[in-house]
Amino acid sequence: MFTGIIEEIGELMAVQSGSDSMVLTIKAQTILEGVKVGDSIATNGVCLTVIEPGKNLFKADVMHETMNRSALGSLKMGSKVNLERAMKSDGRFGGHMVAGHIDGTGQIKDMHKDDNAIWYTIAAGQEILRYIIEKGSIAIDGISLTVAKVTQTDFSVSIIPHTLQQTTLAERKKGDIVNLENDMVGKYIEKFLLSDFTKGTGKKESHISKEFLMKNGFL
């Protein structure tokens, strides 16, 4: 589990490509403290397992499913990536619950300056947009951000200078593809509303209503 608060910007040093997979070698420093084989590191929002840690680098496998769901396959030698270690149970929860399981990708449609901030508008498919709400949370390349606006075809976020300095967003340009992970809470609520977990394949109307969700603080 991650928080979406980026700890370090790493650099892709090498790519070992398979038919439908990759092994990435990523240069890093801060996030390598105490890291061992089997640990999780979110790389541009994708939860990767460390298979070989080094003094100033780590290696991680990328499987076929991850290639299909994310934009990791488009990375090139020298590409900068957002890095975050798995959260500690005794640490501050500064972002939101980020699993590192990418739902899909979006494309930067527009960027414009607004005083000290920069607005990013990102086009995405309905399978992503259906879970995005205004003032809700979204992870873009692993960065925990607040949604400022949502339409039928895209959504927008406003980025403060600190976030630009600490992440790869400053290097992004119009047309770039980014990894997206929806807030998992919305997906769980939908699942509970549409499914009957008390029976194997049986279906019946859910007992969870809008009134129930409001009473328990979900709406």
Protein backbone atom coordinates (compact mmCIF):
# COMPACT_ATOMS: atom_id res chain seq x y z
CA MET A 1 0.00 0.00 0.00
CA PHE A 2 1.20 3.50 -0.87
CA THR A 3 0.12 7.08 -0.16
CA GLY A 4 0.84 8.78 -3.47
CA ILE A 5 3.43 11.08 -1.89
CA ILE A 6 6.49 10.75 -4.14
CA GLU A 7 9.78 10.28 -2.30
CA GLU A 8 12.22 10.52 -5.16
CA ILE A 9 12.58 10.85 -8.92
CA GLY A 10 14.51 7.91 -10.34
CA GLU A 11 16.00 7.29 -13.77
CA LEU A 12 15.63 4.29 -16.05
CA MET A 13 19.11 2.90 -16.69
CA ALA A 14 18.39 -0.32 -18.57
CA VAL A 15 15.54 -2.35 -20.05
CA GLN A 16 15.75 -6.08 -20.63
CA SER A 17 12.80 -6.88 -22.90
CA GLY A 18 11.06 -10.24 -23.22
CA SER A 19 8.29 -11.14 -25.66
CA ASP A 20 5.61 -9.63 -23.40
CA SER A 21 7.56 -8.59 -20.32
CA MET A 22 10.49 -6.48 -19.13
CA VAL A 23 13.11 -6.22 -16.41
CA LEU A 24 13.75 -2.61 -15.48
CA THR A 25 16.94 -1.29 -13.90
CA ILE A 26 16.24 2.00 -12.14
CA LYS A 27 18.73 4.42 -10.66
CA ALA A 28 17.71 5.71 -7.23
CA GLN A 29 19.09 6.70 -3.86
CA THR A 30 16.67 7.75 -1.12
CA ILE A 31 14.15 4.95 -1.58
CA LEU A 32 16.87 2.27 -1.48
CA GLU A 33 17.50 2.72 2.24
CA GLY A 34 16.68 -0.60 3.89
CA VAL A 35 15.24 -2.08 0.69
CA LYS A 36 15.60 -5.82 0.20
CA VAL A 37 14.52 -8.45 -2.29
CA GLY A 38 10.74 -8.78 -2.33
CA ASP A 39 10.00 -5.23 -1.21
CA SER A 40 7.50 -3.11 -3.13
CA ILE A 41 8.35 0.16 -4.85
CA ALA A 42 5.74 2.18 -6.74
CA THR A 43 7.28 3.22 -10.06
CA ASN A 44 5.17 5.82 -11.86
CA GLY A 45 2.33 4.45 -9.76
CA VAL A 46 2.90 0.79 -10.61
CA CYS A 47 3.65 -1.49 -7.67
CA LEU A 48 6.83 -3.36 -8.65
CA THR A 49 8.65 -6.03 -6.66
CA VAL A 50 12.37 -5.58 -6.14
CA ILE A 51 14.24 -8.61 -7.48
CA GLU A 52 17.75 -7.20 -7.11
CA PRO A 53 18.66 -4.20 -4.97
CA GLY A 54 21.99 -2.43 -5.44
CA LYS A 55 23.93 0.49 -4.04
CA ASN A 56 22.38 3.06 -6.38
CA LEU A 57 19.83 1.00 -8.30
CA PHE A 58 17.23 -1.72 -8.17
CA LYS A 59 15.82 -4.19 -10.68
CA ALA A 60 12.17 -5.16 -11.03
CA ASP A 61 10.12 -7.47 -13.26
CA VAL A 62 7.23 -6.11 -15.31
CA MET A 63 4.76 -8.80 -16.39
CA HIS A 64 2.44 -8.92 -19.42
CA GLU A 65 -0.64 -7.71 -17.51
CA THR A 66 1.25 -4.68 -16.22
CA MET A 67 2.45 -3.88 -19.73
CA ASN A 68 -1.15 -3.93 -20.96
CA ARG A 69 -2.55 -1.79 -18.14
CA SER A 70 0.17 0.83 -17.79
CA ALA A 71 2.48 3.11 -19.73
CA LEU A 72 5.68 1.46 -18.45
CA GLY A 73 6.27 -0.07 -21.87
CA SER A 74 6.76 3.40 -23.35
CA LEU A 75 9.65 4.28 -21.03
CA LYS A 76 13.02 4.86 -22.66
CA MET A 77 16.60 4.91 -21.43
CA GLY A 78 17.01 7.99 -19.27
CA SER A 79 13.28 8.38 -18.59
CA LYS A 80 12.51 9.88 -15.19
CA VAL A 81 10.10 7.99 -12.94
CA ASN A 82 8.28 8.74 -9.69
CA LEU A 83 9.30 6.45 -6.85
CA GLU A 84 7.67 5.65 -3.52
CA ARG A 85 8.31 2.88 -1.01
CA ALA A 86 5.42 1.02 0.59
CA MET A 87 3.98 3.06 3.47
CA LYS A 88 4.95 2.38 7.09
CA SER A 89 2.21 1.64 9.58
CA ASP A 90 3.57 4.31 11.93
CA GLY A 91 4.00 7.01 9.25
CA ARG A 92 1.84 10.00 8.35
CA PHE A 93 -0.86 9.36 5.75
CA GLY A 94 -0.35 12.46 3.62
CA GLY A 95 -2.05 11.39 0.39
CA HIS A 96 -4.73 8.72 -0.07
CA MET A 97 -4.88 4.91 -0.26
CA VAL A 98 -2.95 3.94 -3.40
CA ALA A 99 -2.57 0.24 -4.19
CA GLY A 100 -0.15 0.59 -7.08
CA HIS A 101 -2.57 -1.40 -9.26
CA ILE A 102 -3.09 0.71 -12.37
CA ASP A 103 -6.65 0.87 -13.75
CA GLY A 104 -5.55 2.22 -17.11
CA THR A 105 -3.95 5.17 -18.83
CA GLY A 106 -4.95 8.68 -19.83
CA GLN A 107 -3.54 11.28 -22.20
CA ILE A 108 -2.64 14.85 -21.30
CA LYS A 109 -5.06 16.95 -23.34
CA ASP A 110 -4.18 20.42 -22.14
CA MET A 111 -1.87 22.31 -19.77
CA HIS A 112 -2.19 25.94 -18.77
CA LYS A 113 -0.79 28.19 -16.07
CA ASP A 114 -3.05 29.69 -13.40
CA ASP A 115 -0.95 32.10 -11.30
CA ASN A 116 1.37 29.83 -9.27
CA ALA A 117 -0.37 26.60 -10.34
CA ILE A 118 -0.61 24.61 -13.55
CA TRP A 119 -3.80 22.91 -14.69
CA TYR A 120 -3.54 19.51 -16.37
CA THR A 121 -6.55 18.19 -18.28
CA ILE A 122 -6.39 14.45 -18.94
CA ALA A 123 -8.57 12.52 -21.37
CA ALA A 124 -9.58 9.04 -20.24
CA GLY A 125 -12.06 6.29 -21.07
CA GLN A 126 -15.40 5.82 -19.37
CA GLU A 127 -14.05 2.84 -17.43
CA ILE A 128 -11.80 5.35 -15.63
CA LEU A 129 -14.03 8.43 -15.56
CA ARG A 130 -16.97 6.59 -13.98
CA TYR A 131 -15.08 6.46 -10.67
CA ILE A 132 -13.77 10.04 -10.70
CA ILE A 133 -15.62 12.70 -8.71
CA GLU A 134 -14.93 16.39 -8.21
CA LYS A 135 -12.76 16.93 -5.09
CA GLY A 136 -12.09 13.20 -4.98
CA SER A 137 -8.66 11.58 -5.22
CA ILE A 138 -6.82 10.21 -8.26
CA ALA A 139 -3.29 8.83 -8.62
CA ILE A 140 -1.53 10.10 -11.75
CA ASP A 141 1.80 8.33 -12.34
CA GLY A 142 1.66 7.45 -8.65
CA ILE A 143 1.04 11.03 -7.47
CA SER A 144 -1.90 11.55 -5.12
CA LEU A 145 -3.89 14.47 -6.53
CA THR A 146 -7.26 16.11 -5.96
CA VAL A 147 -9.68 16.23 -8.88
CA ALA A 148 -10.76 19.80 -9.62
CA LYS A 149 -13.14 19.17 -12.52
CA VAL A 150 -14.72 16.24 -14.36
CA THR A 151 -16.50 16.11 -17.73
CA GLN A 152 -17.82 13.28 -19.90
CA THR A 153 -14.46 12.90 -21.65
CA ASP A 154 -11.76 14.15 -19.29
CA PHE A 155 -10.84 15.43 -15.83
CA SER A 156 -8.58 18.21 -14.55
CA VAL A 157 -6.19 18.70 -11.65
CA SER A 158 -4.40 21.82 -10.46
CA ILE A 159 -0.74 21.34 -9.52
CA ILE A 160 1.13 23.48 -6.99
CA PRO A 161 4.83 24.37 -7.49
CA HIS A 162 6.04 21.91 -4.81
CA THR A 163 4.41 18.96 -6.57
CA LEU A 164 5.96 20.01 -9.88
CA GLN A 165 9.41 20.16 -8.29
CA GLN A 166 9.14 16.80 -6.53
CA THR A 167 7.64 14.73 -9.36
CA THR A 168 7.96 14.10 -13.08
CA LEU A 169 4.92 16.26 -13.89
CA ALA A 170 7.23 19.19 -14.67
CA GLU A 171 8.60 17.19 -17.63
CA ARG A 172 5.22 16.18 -18.98
CA LYS A 173 3.83 17.71 -22.15
CA LYS A 174 0.62 17.68 -24.13
CA GLY A 175 -0.02 14.27 -25.68
CA ASP A 176 1.92 12.30 -23.04
CA ILE A 177 0.39 9.09 -21.68
CA VAL A 178 0.09 8.76 -17.89
CA ASN A 179 -0.81 5.93 -15.53
CA LEU A 180 -4.11 6.29 -13.67
CA GLU A 181 -5.37 4.59 -10.54
CA ASN A 182 -8.86 5.37 -9.28
CA ASP A 183 -9.68 5.79 -5.62
CA MET A 184 -10.44 2.20 -4.58
CA VAL A 185 -13.27 3.23 -2.23
CA GLY A 186 -15.58 4.04 -5.13
CA LYS A 187 -14.94 0.69 -6.78
CA TYR A 188 -15.72 -1.20 -3.58
CA ILE A 189 -18.97 0.72 -3.08
CA GLU A 190 -20.06 -0.10 -6.64
CA LYS A 191 -19.22 -3.76 -6.12
CA PHE A 192 -21.26 -3.94 -2.93
CA LEU A 193 -24.21 -2.19 -4.56
CA LEU A 194 -24.28 -4.42 -7.63
CA SER A 195 -23.30 -7.80 -6.20
CA ASP A 196 -24.68 -10.33 -3.75
CA PHE A 197 -21.80 -11.76 -1.72
CA THR A 198 -24.01 -13.99 0.43
CA LYS A 199 -24.60 -16.49 -2.38
CA GLY A 200 -22.29 -18.00 -4.94
CA THR A 201 -23.84 -17.08 -8.28
CA GLY A 202 -27.21 -15.95 -6.99
CA LYS A 203 -28.36 -12.40 -7.57
CA LYS A 204 -30.71 -10.25 -5.58
CA GLU A 205 -31.25 -6.59 -4.86
CA SER A 206 -28.54 -5.15 -2.60
CA HIS A 207 -29.52 -4.10 0.92
CA ILE A 208 -27.10 -1.17 0.69
CA SER A 209 -29.04 1.95 -0.19
CA LYS A 210 -28.18 5.61 -0.73
CA GLU A 211 -29.65 6.32 2.71
CA PHE A 212 -27.39 3.69 4.27
CA LEU A 213 -24.30 5.19 2.63
CA MET A 214 -25.26 8.71 3.73
CA LYS A 215 -25.87 7.54 7.29
CA ASN A 216 -22.43 5.96 7.41
CA GLY A 217 -20.57 8.92 5.93
CA PHE A 218 -19.92 7.68 2.39
CA LEU A 219 -22.01 10.33 0.59
